[in-house]
C-alpha atoms as a PDB file:
ATOM      1  CA  MET A   1     -17.300   4.272 -52.097  1.00  0.00           C
ATOM      2  CA  THR A   2     -14.507   3.365 -50.260  1.00  0.00           C
ATOM      3  CA  THR A   3     -13.462  -0.454 -51.089  1.00  0.00           C
ATOM      4  CA  ARG A   4     -11.971  -2.658 -48.111  1.00  0.00           C
ATOM      5  CA  ARG A   5      -8.124  -2.618 -48.866  1.00  0.00           C
ATOM      6  CA  GLU A   6      -8.530   1.792 -49.349  1.00  0.00           C
ATOM      7  CA  PHE A   7     -10.062   1.352 -45.642  1.00  0.00           C
ATOM      8  CA  THR A   8      -7.365  -0.502 -44.439  1.00  0.00           C
ATOM      9  CA  THR A   9      -4.865   1.708 -45.920  1.00  0.00           C
ATOM     10  CA  LEU A  10      -6.423   4.929 -44.327  1.00  0.00           C
ATOM     11  CA  ALA A  11      -7.106   2.538 -41.123  1.00  0.00           C
ATOM     12  CA  ALA A  12      -3.288   2.054 -41.164  1.00  0.00           C
ATOM     13  CA  ALA A  13      -2.316   5.793 -41.968  1.00  0.00           C
ATOM     14  CA  ALA A  14      -4.836   7.203 -39.567  1.00  0.00           C
ATOM     15  CA  LEU A  15      -3.159   5.041 -36.682  1.00  0.00           C
ATOM     16  CA  ALA A  16       0.516   5.778 -37.684  1.00  0.00           C
ATOM     17  CA  PHE A  17      -0.276   9.640 -37.383  1.00  0.00           C
ATOM     18  CA  GLY A  18      -2.151   8.803 -33.875  1.00  0.00           C
ATOM     19  CA  ALA A  19       0.890   6.940 -32.709  1.00  0.00           C
ATOM     20  CA  SER A  20       3.549   9.351 -33.963  1.00  0.00           C
ATOM     21  CA  SER A  21       0.848  12.135 -32.156  1.00  0.00           C
ATOM     22  CA  TRP A  22       1.217  10.350 -28.925  1.00  0.00           C
ATOM     23  CA  ARG A  23       4.862  10.028 -28.918  1.00  0.00           C
ATOM     24  CA  ALA A  24       5.016  13.231 -29.493  1.00  0.00           C
ATOM     25  CA  SER A  25       3.107  14.257 -26.577  1.00  0.00           C
ATOM     26  CA  ALA A  26       4.955  11.969 -24.843  1.00  0.00           C
ATOM     27  CA  ALA A  27       7.931  13.249 -25.617  1.00  0.00           C
ATOM     28  CA  ALA A  28       7.775  16.672 -24.609  1.00  0.00           C
ATOM     29  CA  TRP A  29       5.909  16.014 -21.338  1.00  0.00           C
ATOM     30  CA  PRO A  30       5.407  17.421 -19.029  1.00  0.00           C
ATOM     31  CA  GLU A  31       4.681  20.711 -20.568  1.00  0.00           C
ATOM     32  CA  ARG A  32       2.626  22.336 -17.534  1.00  0.00           C
ATOM     33  CA  PRO A  33       1.962  21.332 -13.753  1.00  0.00           C
ATOM     34  CA  VAL A  34       1.295  17.701 -12.490  1.00  0.00           C
ATOM     35  CA  LYS A  35      -1.379  17.324 -10.586  1.00  0.00           C
ATOM     36  CA  LEU A  36      -0.588  14.869  -7.337  1.00  0.00           C
ATOM     37  CA  ILE A  37      -3.462  13.188  -5.511  1.00  0.00           C
ATOM     38  CA  VAL A  38      -3.256  12.374  -2.043  1.00  0.00           C
ATOM     39  CA  PRO A  39      -6.083  11.069  -0.975  1.00  0.00           C
ATOM     40  CA  PHE A  40      -5.554  11.491   2.831  1.00  0.00           C
ATOM     41  CA  ALA A  41      -5.372  14.545   5.110  1.00  0.00           C
ATOM     42  CA  PRO A  42      -2.025  16.437   5.069  1.00  0.00           C
ATOM     43  CA  GLY A  43      -0.002  15.283   7.943  1.00  0.00           C
ATOM     44  CA  GLY A  44       0.103  11.744   7.554  1.00  0.00           C
ATOM     45  CA  ASN A  45       2.657   9.189   6.052  1.00  0.00           C
ATOM     46  CA  THR A  46       0.907   9.049   2.834  1.00  0.00           C
ATOM     47  CA  ASP A  47       0.878  12.896   2.320  1.00  0.00           C
ATOM     48  CA  GLY A  48       4.416  13.292   3.801  1.00  0.00           C
ATOM     49  CA  ILE A  49       5.466  10.885   0.929  1.00  0.00           C
ATOM     50  CA  GLY A  50       3.686  12.370  -1.751  1.00  0.00           C
ATOM     51  CA  ARG A  51       5.322  15.667  -0.765  1.00  0.00           C
ATOM     52  CA  LEU A  52       8.432  14.614  -1.182  1.00  0.00           C
ATOM     53  CA  VAL A  53       8.382  12.818  -4.106  1.00  0.00           C
ATOM     54  CA  GLY A  54       6.410  15.564  -5.802  1.00  0.00           C
ATOM     55  CA  GLN A  55       9.243  17.761  -4.596  1.00  0.00           C
ATOM     56  CA  TYR A  56      11.636  15.559  -6.398  1.00  0.00           C
ATOM     57  CA  LEU A  57       9.711  15.233  -9.411  1.00  0.00           C
ATOM     58  CA  SER A  58       8.929  19.024  -9.609  1.00  0.00           C
ATOM     59  CA  THR A  59      13.190  19.499  -9.730  1.00  0.00           C
ATOM     60  CA  LYS A  60      14.306  16.784 -12.180  1.00  0.00           C
ATOM     61  CA  LEU A  61      11.213  16.918 -14.268  1.00  0.00           C
ATOM     62  CA  GLY A  62      10.647  21.086 -14.915  1.00  0.00           C
ATOM     63  CA  GLN A  63       7.382  21.301 -14.108  1.00  0.00           C
ATOM     64  CA  PRO A  64       5.273  21.827 -10.697  1.00  0.00           C
ATOM     65  CA  PHE A  65       4.096  18.648  -9.099  1.00  0.00           C
ATOM     66  CA  VAL A  66       1.215  19.654  -7.245  1.00  0.00           C
ATOM     67  CA  VAL A  67      -0.130  18.070  -4.211  1.00  0.00           C
ATOM     68  CA  GLU A  68      -4.147  17.731  -3.760  1.00  0.00           C
ATOM     69  CA  ASN A  69      -5.536  15.821  -0.463  1.00  0.00           C
ATOM     70  CA  ARG A  70      -8.570  14.273  -1.987  1.00  0.00           C
ATOM     71  CA  LEU A  71     -10.316  13.053   1.167  1.00  0.00           C
ATOM     72  CA  GLY A  72     -12.916  10.821   1.331  1.00  0.00           C
ATOM     73  CA  GLY A  73     -14.303   7.471   1.614  1.00  0.00           C
ATOM     74  CA  GLY A  74     -11.068   5.881   2.535  1.00  0.00           C
ATOM     75  CA  GLY A  75      -9.374   6.969  -0.399  1.00  0.00           C
ATOM     76  CA  ILE A  76     -12.443   6.064  -2.631  1.00  0.00           C
ATOM     77  CA  VAL A  77     -13.471   9.033  -3.463  1.00  0.00           C
ATOM     78  CA  ALA A  78      -9.513   9.935  -4.918  1.00  0.00           C
ATOM     79  CA  SER A  79      -9.433   6.534  -6.336  1.00  0.00           C
ATOM     80  CA  GLU A  80     -12.450   7.276  -8.624  1.00  0.00           C
ATOM     81  CA  ALA A  81     -11.405  10.637  -9.791  1.00  0.00           C
ATOM     82  CA  VAL A  82      -7.743   9.398 -10.986  1.00  0.00           C
ATOM     83  CA  ALA A  83      -9.361   6.322 -12.841  1.00  0.00           C
ATOM     84  CA  ARG A  84     -11.850   8.757 -14.470  1.00  0.00           C
ATOM     85  CA  SER A  85      -9.152  11.316 -15.564  1.00  0.00           C
ATOM     86  CA  ALA A  86      -7.594  11.470 -18.650  1.00  0.00           C
ATOM     87  CA  PRO A  87      -4.322   9.198 -19.352  1.00  0.00           C
ATOM     88  CA  ASP A  88      -1.938  11.978 -20.334  1.00  0.00           C
ATOM     89  CA  GLY A  89       0.464  12.310 -17.629  1.00  0.00           C
ATOM     90  CA  TYR A  90      -1.207  15.037 -15.980  1.00  0.00           C
ATOM     91  CA  THR A  91      -3.130  13.665 -12.960  1.00  0.00           C
ATOM     92  CA  LEU A  92      -1.347  11.018 -10.498  1.00  0.00           C
ATOM     93  CA  MET A  93      -1.850   9.762  -7.401  1.00  0.00           C
ATOM     94  CA  VAL A  94       0.056   8.360  -4.387  1.00  0.00           C
ATOM     95  CA  ALA A  95      -1.639   5.234  -3.539  1.00  0.00           C
ATOM     96  CA  ALA A  96      -2.208   3.276  -0.145  1.00  0.00           C
ATOM     97  CA  LEU A  97      -2.709  -0.616  -0.410  1.00  0.00           C
ATOM     98  CA  PRO A  98      -6.275  -0.319   1.004  1.00  0.00           C
ATOM     99  CA  GLN A  99      -7.733   1.620  -2.008  1.00  0.00           C
ATOM    100  CA  ILE A 100      -6.293  -1.219  -4.214  1.00  0.00           C
ATOM    101  CA  ALA A 101      -6.308  -4.302  -2.869  1.00  0.00           C
ATOM    102  CA  ILE A 102      -8.793  -3.956   0.190  1.00  0.00           C
ATOM    103  CA  LEU A 103     -11.811  -1.115  -0.531  1.00  0.00           C
ATOM    104  CA  PRO A 104     -13.018  -2.769  -4.019  1.00  0.00           C
ATOM    105  CA  VAL A 105     -13.638  -6.471  -2.103  1.00  0.00           C
ATOM    106  CA  LEU A 106     -15.230  -4.589   0.749  1.00  0.00           C
ATOM    107  CA  GLN A 107     -17.354  -2.186  -0.800  1.00  0.00           C
ATOM    108  CA  GLN A 108     -18.797  -1.358  -4.262  1.00  0.00           C
ATOM    109  CA  THR A 109     -16.541   1.553  -5.958  1.00  0.00           C
ATOM    110  CA  ASN A 110     -16.745   2.543  -9.701  1.00  0.00           C
ATOM    111  CA  TYR A 111     -13.274   1.647 -10.075  1.00  0.00           C
ATOM    112  CA  ASN A 112     -11.709  -1.686 -11.171  1.00  0.00           C
ATOM    113  CA  PRO A 113      -7.708  -1.585  -9.469  1.00  0.00           C
ATOM    114  CA  GLU A 114      -6.491  -3.424 -12.512  1.00  0.00           C
ATOM    115  CA  ARG A 115      -8.400  -2.165 -14.845  1.00  0.00           C
ATOM    116  CA  ASP A 116      -8.519   1.358 -13.922  1.00  0.00           C
ATOM    117  CA  PHE A 117      -4.821   2.312 -13.181  1.00  0.00           C
ATOM    118  CA  ALA A 118      -1.265   1.820 -14.789  1.00  0.00           C
ATOM    119  CA  PRO A 119       1.483   1.382 -11.775  1.00  0.00           C
ATOM    120  CA  ILE A 120       4.307   3.156 -12.057  1.00  0.00           C
ATOM    121  CA  SER A 121       6.602   2.667  -9.242  1.00  0.00           C
ATOM    122  CA  ASN A 122       5.869   0.972  -5.600  1.00  0.00           C
ATOM    123  CA  ILE A 123       7.726   3.876  -3.078  1.00  0.00           C
ATOM    124  CA  ALA A 124       7.781   3.107   0.022  1.00  0.00           C
ATOM    125  CA  SER A 125       6.351   0.123   2.386  1.00  0.00           C
ATOM    126  CA  ASN A 126       5.816  -0.271   6.118  1.00  0.00           C
ATOM    127  CA  PRO A 127       5.099  -4.088   7.642  1.00  0.00           C
ATOM    128  CA  PHE A 128       3.129  -4.979  10.879  1.00  0.00           C
ATOM    129  CA  CYS A 129       4.430  -5.702  13.806  1.00  0.00           C
ATOM    130  CA  LEU A 130       2.719  -8.452  16.064  1.00  0.00           C
ATOM    131  CA  VAL A 131       2.855  -6.582  19.790  1.00  0.00           C
ATOM    132  CA  ALA A 132       1.884  -7.945  23.141  1.00  0.00           C
ATOM    133  CA  ASN A 133       1.551  -6.707  26.978  1.00  0.00           C
ATOM    134  CA  PRO A 134       4.303  -7.836  28.895  1.00  0.00           C
ATOM    135  CA  GLN A 135       2.112  -9.860  31.167  1.00  0.00           C
ATOM    136  CA  PHE A 136       0.907 -11.696  27.887  1.00  0.00           C
ATOM    137  CA  GLU A 137       2.674 -15.433  28.268  1.00  0.00           C
ATOM    138  CA  PRO A 138       3.953 -16.147  25.063  1.00  0.00           C
ATOM    139  CA  LYS A 139       7.288 -14.755  24.011  1.00  0.00           C
ATOM    140  CA  THR A 140       7.855 -16.319  20.587  1.00  0.00           C
ATOM    141  CA  ILE A 141       5.348 -17.003  17.555  1.00  0.00           C
ATOM    142  CA  LYS A 142       5.368 -20.655  18.153  1.00  0.00           C
ATOM    143  CA  GLU A 143       4.267 -20.168  22.353  1.00  0.00           C
ATOM    144  CA  PHE A 144       1.212 -17.546  20.729  1.00  0.00           C
ATOM    145  CA  VAL A 145       0.222 -20.517  18.487  1.00  0.00           C
ATOM    146  CA  GLU A 146       0.833 -23.071  21.199  1.00  0.00           C
ATOM    147  CA  TYR A 147      -1.594 -20.845  23.612  1.00  0.00           C
ATOM    148  CA  VAL A 148      -4.012 -19.846  21.162  1.00  0.00           C
ATOM    149  CA  LYS A 149      -4.758 -23.292  20.261  1.00  0.00           C
ATOM    150  CA  ALA A 150      -5.209 -24.743  23.371  1.00  0.00           C
ATOM    151  CA  ARG A 151      -7.404 -21.586  24.323  1.00  0.00           C
ATOM    152  CA  PRO A 152      -9.967 -21.359  21.063  1.00  0.00           C
ATOM    153  CA  GLY A 153     -12.194 -18.851  20.532  1.00  0.00           C
ATOM    154  CA  LYS A 154     -11.174 -17.296  24.045  1.00  0.00           C
ATOM    155  CA  VAL A 155      -8.173 -14.850  23.182  1.00  0.00           C
ATOM    156  CA  ALA A 156      -8.703 -11.443  21.834  1.00  0.00           C
ATOM    157  CA  TYR A 157      -6.644  -9.027  20.209  1.00  0.00           C
ATOM    158  CA  ALA A 158      -7.101  -5.943  18.784  1.00  0.00           C
ATOM    159  CA  SER A 159      -7.423  -3.358  15.593  1.00  0.00           C
ATOM    160  CA  GLY A 160      -7.256  -0.565  13.730  1.00  0.00           C
ATOM    161  CA  GLY A 161     -11.403  -1.543  12.884  1.00  0.00           C
ATOM    162  CA  THR A 162     -13.131  -4.034  10.894  1.00  0.00           C
ATOM    163  CA  GLY A 163     -11.753  -4.148   7.590  1.00  0.00           C
ATOM    164  CA  SER A 164      -8.447  -2.333   8.389  1.00  0.00           C
ATOM    165  CA  VAL A 165      -4.671  -3.714   6.891  1.00  0.00           C
ATOM    166  CA  SER A 166      -3.564  -4.303  10.951  1.00  0.00           C
ATOM    167  CA  HIS A 167      -7.456  -6.271  11.526  1.00  0.00           C
ATOM    168  CA  LEU A 168      -7.096  -8.202   7.720  1.00  0.00           C
ATOM    169  CA  THR A 169      -3.584  -9.223   8.649  1.00  0.00           C
ATOM    170  CA  MET A 170      -4.289 -10.901  12.110  1.00  0.00           C
ATOM    171  CA  VAL A 171      -7.461 -12.900  10.002  1.00  0.00           C
ATOM    172  CA  LEU A 172      -4.488 -13.584   7.487  1.00  0.00           C
ATOM    173  CA  PHE A 173      -2.317 -15.387   9.901  1.00  0.00           C
ATOM    174  CA  LEU A 174      -5.137 -17.037  11.937  1.00  0.00           C
ATOM    175  CA  GLN A 175      -6.082 -18.504   8.166  1.00  0.00           C
ATOM    176  CA  LYS A 176      -2.073 -19.455   7.914  1.00  0.00           C
ATOM    177  CA  ALA A 177      -2.333 -21.001  11.477  1.00  0.00           C
ATOM    178  CA  GLY A 178      -5.329 -22.585  12.051  1.00  0.00           C
ATOM    179  CA  LEU A 179      -6.062 -19.937  14.556  1.00  0.00           C
ATOM    180  CA  ASP A 180      -9.881 -18.920  16.590  1.00  0.00           C
ATOM    181  CA  MET A 181      -9.206 -15.847  18.166  1.00  0.00           C
ATOM    182  CA  ILE A 182     -11.784 -13.046  19.510  1.00  0.00           C
ATOM    183  CA  HIS A 183     -11.301  -9.823  17.245  1.00  0.00           C
ATOM    184  CA  VAL A 184     -11.815  -6.320  19.359  1.00  0.00           C
ATOM    185  CA  PRO A 185     -12.263  -3.572  16.527  1.00  0.00           C
ATOM    186  CA  TYR A 186     -11.261   0.194  17.660  1.00  0.00           C
ATOM    187  CA  LYS A 187     -11.262   3.569  15.968  1.00  0.00           C
ATOM    188  CA  GLY A 188      -7.778   3.301  14.886  1.00  0.00           C
ATOM    189  CA  GLY A 189      -4.586   2.192  16.158  1.00  0.00           C
ATOM    190  CA  ALA A 190      -3.742   4.969  19.013  1.00  0.00           C
ATOM    191  CA  PRO A 191      -6.907   3.611  20.903  1.00  0.00           C
ATOM    192  CA  ALA A 192      -5.861  -0.033  20.016  1.00  0.00           C
ATOM    193  CA  ILE A 193      -1.859   0.646  21.357  1.00  0.00           C
ATOM    194  CA  SER A 194      -3.460   2.227  24.672  1.00  0.00           C
ATOM    195  CA  ASP A 195      -5.538  -1.033  25.124  1.00  0.00           C
ATOM    196  CA  VAL A 196      -3.162  -3.400  24.849  1.00  0.00           C
ATOM    197  CA  LEU A 197      -0.539  -1.231  26.752  1.00  0.00           C
ATOM    198  CA  ALA A 198      -3.294  -1.084  29.720  1.00  0.00           C
ATOM    199  CA  ASN A 199      -3.898  -5.216  29.110  1.00  0.00           C
ATOM    200  CA  GLN A 200      -7.258  -4.777  28.648  1.00  0.00           C
ATOM    201  CA  VAL A 201      -6.332  -7.142  25.175  1.00  0.00           C
ATOM    202  CA  PRO A 202      -3.233  -9.007  25.132  1.00  0.00           C
ATOM    203  CA  VAL A 203      -2.256  -8.558  21.258  1.00  0.00           C
ATOM    204  CA  TYR A 204      -2.296  -5.687  18.300  1.00  0.00           C
ATOM    205  CA  PHE A 205      -0.912  -6.257  14.930  1.00  0.00           C
ATOM    206  CA  GLY A 206       0.007  -2.826  14.026  1.00  0.00           C
ATOM    207  CA  ASN A 207       2.155  -0.947  11.277  1.00  0.00           C
ATOM    208  CA  LEU A 208       5.700  -0.767  12.224  1.00  0.00           C
ATOM    209  CA  SER A 209       5.531   2.871  12.662  1.00  0.00           C
ATOM    210  CA  GLU A 210       2.756   2.544  15.476  1.00  0.00           C
ATOM    211  CA  GLY A 211       4.971  -0.068  17.038  1.00  0.00           C
ATOM    212  CA  LEU A 212       8.468   0.950  16.850  1.00  0.00           C
ATOM    213  CA  PRO A 213       7.785   3.520  19.580  1.00  0.00           C
ATOM    214  CA  HIS A 214       6.461   0.856  22.187  1.00  0.00           C
ATOM    215  CA  ALA A 215       8.720  -1.568  21.637  1.00  0.00           C
ATOM    216  CA  GLY A 216      10.608  -2.607  24.665  1.00  0.00           C
ATOM    217  CA  LYS A 217       9.312   0.013  26.319  1.00  0.00           C
ATOM    218  CA  GLY A 218       5.810  -1.244  26.995  1.00  0.00           C
ATOM    219  CA  LEU A 219       5.205  -3.832  24.959  1.00  0.00           C
ATOM    220  CA  ARG A 220       6.762  -7.062  23.521  1.00  0.00           C
ATOM    221  CA  PRO A 221       7.023  -7.607  19.586  1.00  0.00           C
ATOM    222  CA  LEU A 222       7.015 -11.281  18.682  1.00  0.00           C
ATOM    223  CA  ALA A 223       7.216 -10.939  14.939  1.00  0.00           C
ATOM    224  CA  VAL A 224       7.358  -8.628  11.741  1.00  0.00           C
ATOM    225  CA  SER A 225       5.375  -9.423   8.809  1.00  0.00           C
ATOM    226  CA  GLY A 226       7.191  -8.433   5.872  1.00  0.00           C
ATOM    227  CA  LEU A 227       9.629 -11.213   3.919  1.00  0.00           C
ATOM    228  CA  LYS A 228      13.000  -9.660   5.697  1.00  0.00           C
ATOM    229  CA  ARG A 229      13.365  -8.592   9.115  1.00  0.00           C
ATOM    230  CA  ALA A 230      12.881  -4.815  10.588  1.00  0.00           C
ATOM    231  CA  ALA A 231      16.129  -2.758  10.216  1.00  0.00           C
ATOM    232  CA  LYS A 232      14.995  -1.404  13.442  1.00  0.00           C
ATOM    233  CA  LEU A 233      14.385  -4.586  15.201  1.00  0.00           C
ATOM    234  CA  PRO A 234      16.877  -6.818  13.776  1.00  0.00           C
ATOM    235  CA  ASP A 235      16.319  -9.131  16.796  1.00  0.00           C
ATOM    236  CA  VAL A 236      12.429  -9.989  16.103  1.00  0.00           C
ATOM    237  CA  PRO A 237      12.084 -12.755  13.803  1.00  0.00           C
ATOM    238  CA  THR A 238       9.582 -12.349  10.851  1.00  0.00           C
ATOM    239  CA  ILE A 239       6.201 -14.569  10.038  1.00  0.00           C
ATOM    240  CA  ALA A 240       7.857 -16.134   7.242  1.00  0.00           C
ATOM    241  CA  GLU A 241      10.838 -17.421   9.252  1.00  0.00           C
ATOM    242  CA  SER A 242       8.770 -18.375  12.158  1.00  0.00           C
ATOM    243  CA  GLY A 243       7.071 -21.533  10.419  1.00  0.00           C
ATOM    244  CA  TYR A 244       4.778 -19.428   7.655  1.00  0.00           C
ATOM    245  CA  PRO A 245       7.143 -19.560   4.679  1.00  0.00           C
ATOM    246  CA  GLY A 246       5.631 -16.519   2.171  1.00  0.00           C
ATOM    247  CA  PHE A 247       3.806 -14.902   4.904  1.00  0.00           C
ATOM    248  CA  ARG A 248       3.731 -11.272   4.010  1.00  0.00           C
ATOM    249  CA  SER A 249       1.973  -8.085   4.897  1.00  0.00           C
ATOM    250  CA  GLU A 250       2.673  -4.550   4.312  1.00  0.00           C
ATOM    251  CA  THR A 251       0.978  -1.557   3.423  1.00  0.00           C
ATOM    252  CA  TRP A 252       2.864   0.294   0.696  1.00  0.00           C
ATOM    253  CA  ASN A 253       2.621   4.011  -1.197  1.00  0.00           C
ATOM    254  CA  GLY A 254       3.179   4.013  -4.934  1.00  0.00           C
ATOM    255  CA  LEU A 255       2.608   6.346  -7.469  1.00  0.00           C
ATOM    256  CA  ILE A 256       0.129   5.314 -10.155  1.00  0.00           C
ATOM    257  CA  ALA A 257      -1.412   7.252 -13.312  1.00  0.00           C
ATOM    258  CA  PRO A 258      -5.038   6.489 -15.094  1.00  0.00           C
ATOM    259  CA  ALA A 259      -4.841   3.482 -17.305  1.00  0.00           C
ATOM    260  CA  GLY A 260      -3.793   4.147 -20.823  1.00  0.00           C
ATOM    261  CA  THR A 261      -1.409   6.752 -19.935  1.00  0.00           C
ATOM    262  CA  PRO A 262       1.776   6.523 -22.368  1.00  0.00           C
ATOM    263  CA  GLU A 263       4.452   3.987 -21.592  1.00  0.00           C
ATOM    264  CA  PRO A 264       7.323   6.606 -22.238  1.00  0.00           C
ATOM    265  CA  ILE A 265       5.921   9.026 -19.547  1.00  0.00           C
ATOM    266  CA  ILE A 266       4.876   5.713 -16.870  1.00  0.00           C
ATOM    267  CA  MET A 267       8.890   4.637 -17.839  1.00  0.00           C
ATOM    268  CA  LEU A 268      10.087   8.533 -16.935  1.00  0.00           C
ATOM    269  CA  LEU A 269       8.527   8.241 -13.362  1.00  0.00           C
ATOM    270  CA  ALA A 270       8.968   5.166 -12.578  1.00  0.00           C
ATOM    271  CA  ARG A 271      12.761   5.531 -13.275  1.00  0.00           C
ATOM    272  CA  GLU A 272      12.725   9.481 -11.256  1.00  0.00           C
ATOM    273  CA  ALA A 273      11.105   7.453  -8.610  1.00  0.00           C
ATOM    274  CA  GLN A 274      13.769   5.159  -8.187  1.00  0.00           C
ATOM    275  CA  ASN A 275      15.843   7.839  -7.857  1.00  0.00           C
ATOM    276  CA  ALA A 276      13.893   9.600  -5.724  1.00  0.00           C
ATOM    277  CA  VAL A 277      14.066   6.967  -2.849  1.00  0.00           C
ATOM    278  CA  LYS A 278      18.029   6.987  -2.744  1.00  0.00           C
ATOM    279  CA  GLU A 279      18.734  10.716  -1.882  1.00  0.00           C
ATOM    280  CA  LYS A 280      20.177  11.047   1.740  1.00  0.00           C
ATOM    281  CA  THR A 281      17.097  13.501   2.590  1.00  0.00           C
ATOM    282  CA  ILE A 282      14.179  11.445   1.159  1.00  0.00           C
ATOM    283  CA  LEU A 283      15.489   8.587   3.016  1.00  0.00           C
ATOM    284  CA  GLU A 284      16.299  10.401   6.409  1.00  0.00           C
ATOM    285  CA  ARG A 285      12.808  11.364   6.462  1.00  0.00           C
ATOM    286  CA  PHE A 286      11.431   7.728   5.523  1.00  0.00           C
ATOM    287  CA  ASP A 287      13.415   6.979   8.648  1.00  0.00           C
ATOM    288  CA  THR A 288      11.461   9.145  10.326  1.00  0.00           C
ATOM    289  CA  TYR A 289       8.027   7.738   9.328  1.00  0.00           C
ATOM    290  CA  GLY A 290       8.879   4.229  10.110  1.00  0.00           C
ATOM    291  CA  VAL A 291       8.835   3.020   5.933  1.00  0.00           C
ATOM    292  CA  ASP A 292      11.239   1.199   4.265  1.00  0.00           C
ATOM    293  CA  PRO A 293      12.410   2.663   0.626  1.00  0.00           C
ATOM    294  CA  ILE A 294      11.099   0.616  -2.400  1.00  0.00           C
ATOM    295  CA  GLY A 295      11.595   2.532  -5.840  1.00  0.00           C
ATOM    296  CA  SER A 296      10.363  -0.486  -7.700  1.00  0.00           C
ATOM    297  CA  ASP A 297       9.763  -0.242 -11.414  1.00  0.00           C
ATOM    298  CA  ALA A 298       6.453  -0.642 -12.974  1.00  0.00           C
ATOM    299  CA  ALA A 299       6.521  -4.263 -13.738  1.00  0.00           C
ATOM    300  CA  GLU A 300       7.548  -4.915 -10.380  1.00  0.00           C
ATOM    301  CA  PHE A 301       4.469  -2.471  -8.787  1.00  0.00           C
ATOM    302  CA  LYS A 302       2.472  -4.568 -10.991  1.00  0.00           C
ATOM    303  CA  ARG A 303       3.234  -7.851  -9.828  1.00  0.00           C
ATOM    304  CA  THR A 304       2.579  -6.359  -6.059  1.00  0.00           C
ATOM    305  CA  MET A 305      -0.281  -4.937  -6.406  1.00  0.00           C
ATOM    306  CA  ALA A 306      -1.741  -8.106  -8.171  1.00  0.00           C
ATOM    307  CA  GLU A 307      -0.370 -10.482  -5.605  1.00  0.00           C
ATOM    308  CA  ASP A 308      -2.006  -8.383  -3.105  1.00  0.00           C
ATOM    309  CA  ILE A 309      -5.157  -7.995  -4.284  1.00  0.00           C
ATOM    310  CA  ALA A 310      -5.591 -12.081  -4.811  1.00  0.00           C
ATOM    311  CA  GLN A 311      -4.307 -12.237  -1.400  1.00  0.00           C
ATOM    312  CA  TRP A 312      -6.720  -9.762   0.611  1.00  0.00           C
ATOM    313  CA  ARG A 313     -10.068 -10.783  -2.093  1.00  0.00           C
ATOM    314  CA  MET A 314      -9.205 -14.678  -0.880  1.00  0.00           C
ATOM    315  CA  ALA A 315      -8.696 -13.543   2.983  1.00  0.00           C
ATOM    316  CA  ILE A 316     -11.472 -11.471   2.919  1.00  0.00           C
ATOM    317  CA  GLN A 317     -13.733 -14.343   1.403  1.00  0.00           C
ATOM    318  CA  VAL A 318     -12.673 -16.685   3.264  1.00  0.00           C
ATOM    319  CA  ALA A 319     -13.375 -14.855   6.453  1.00  0.00           C
ATOM    320  CA  ASN A 320     -16.591 -13.414   5.416  1.00  0.00           C
ATOM    321  CA  ILE A 321     -15.751 -10.098   6.427  1.00  0.00           C
ATOM    322  CA  LYS A 322     -18.067  -7.284   6.201  1.00  0.00           C
ATOM    323  CA  ILE A 323     -18.465  -3.766   6.842  1.00  0.00           C
END
């Protein structure tokens, strides 16, 4: 019969053996190809960012990082697959903000983003830009707020769809500013911008890569939603500096792994991701995508995820948004 002391000794030995085996396995990683899941179709920003980072990691770490486009549910299918994967470093995902901070609030998902994923590095971000038809009277955020407050429930805004980040960015701003507007949802950003260009709807909060081609050429940018001004729109103020300190809404693409992935693997990947976004060729491609390089470490990315989850959960619940 095993005594309590003998059991404790055996358990400690087993744990020590497991830890040494775990460290050895992590030290040898990667020994085979790594699957890099992208939750959207080829051709978009998330796919492009994933392929750029995957190619860089393949070169630096000596094993192929194979991109797999796993579609469905706006990213839910891919997220659930990664959450169920072995935490051995051989399945990673290029996650986007909605999968982590929005869809789990709006829908029933079989994953918990804070419990089931290990953040590695926030790769790139894309702020939003409030754009208006040139015939829209307000020319600044201050004028916009005054104009809408004088017409509660009468001024419309376009979005890329109910529950989209463009919709929620405006919802968040309306909550901060105490405004009431009419929501006109579209099936994506392109038709929303088309109707703002045609002055069917006066304003739209789209991501910067959508608004840039039209800024000053059919649409008037009023403000951007990041904490700092956009490099390509240096004369356009942030909402934060326009009377709403701390206001931030940005989409992002970050590298994540299943929870429980060994810390040495997380740290190695984070370091290489940080190096990747310093590469000239990658920065040039990011510029064409209209995204800003981030290259955070794992702890910083974890904080960003937690802040965004809390912010969007509150905004959705206060506005009682359903899809």
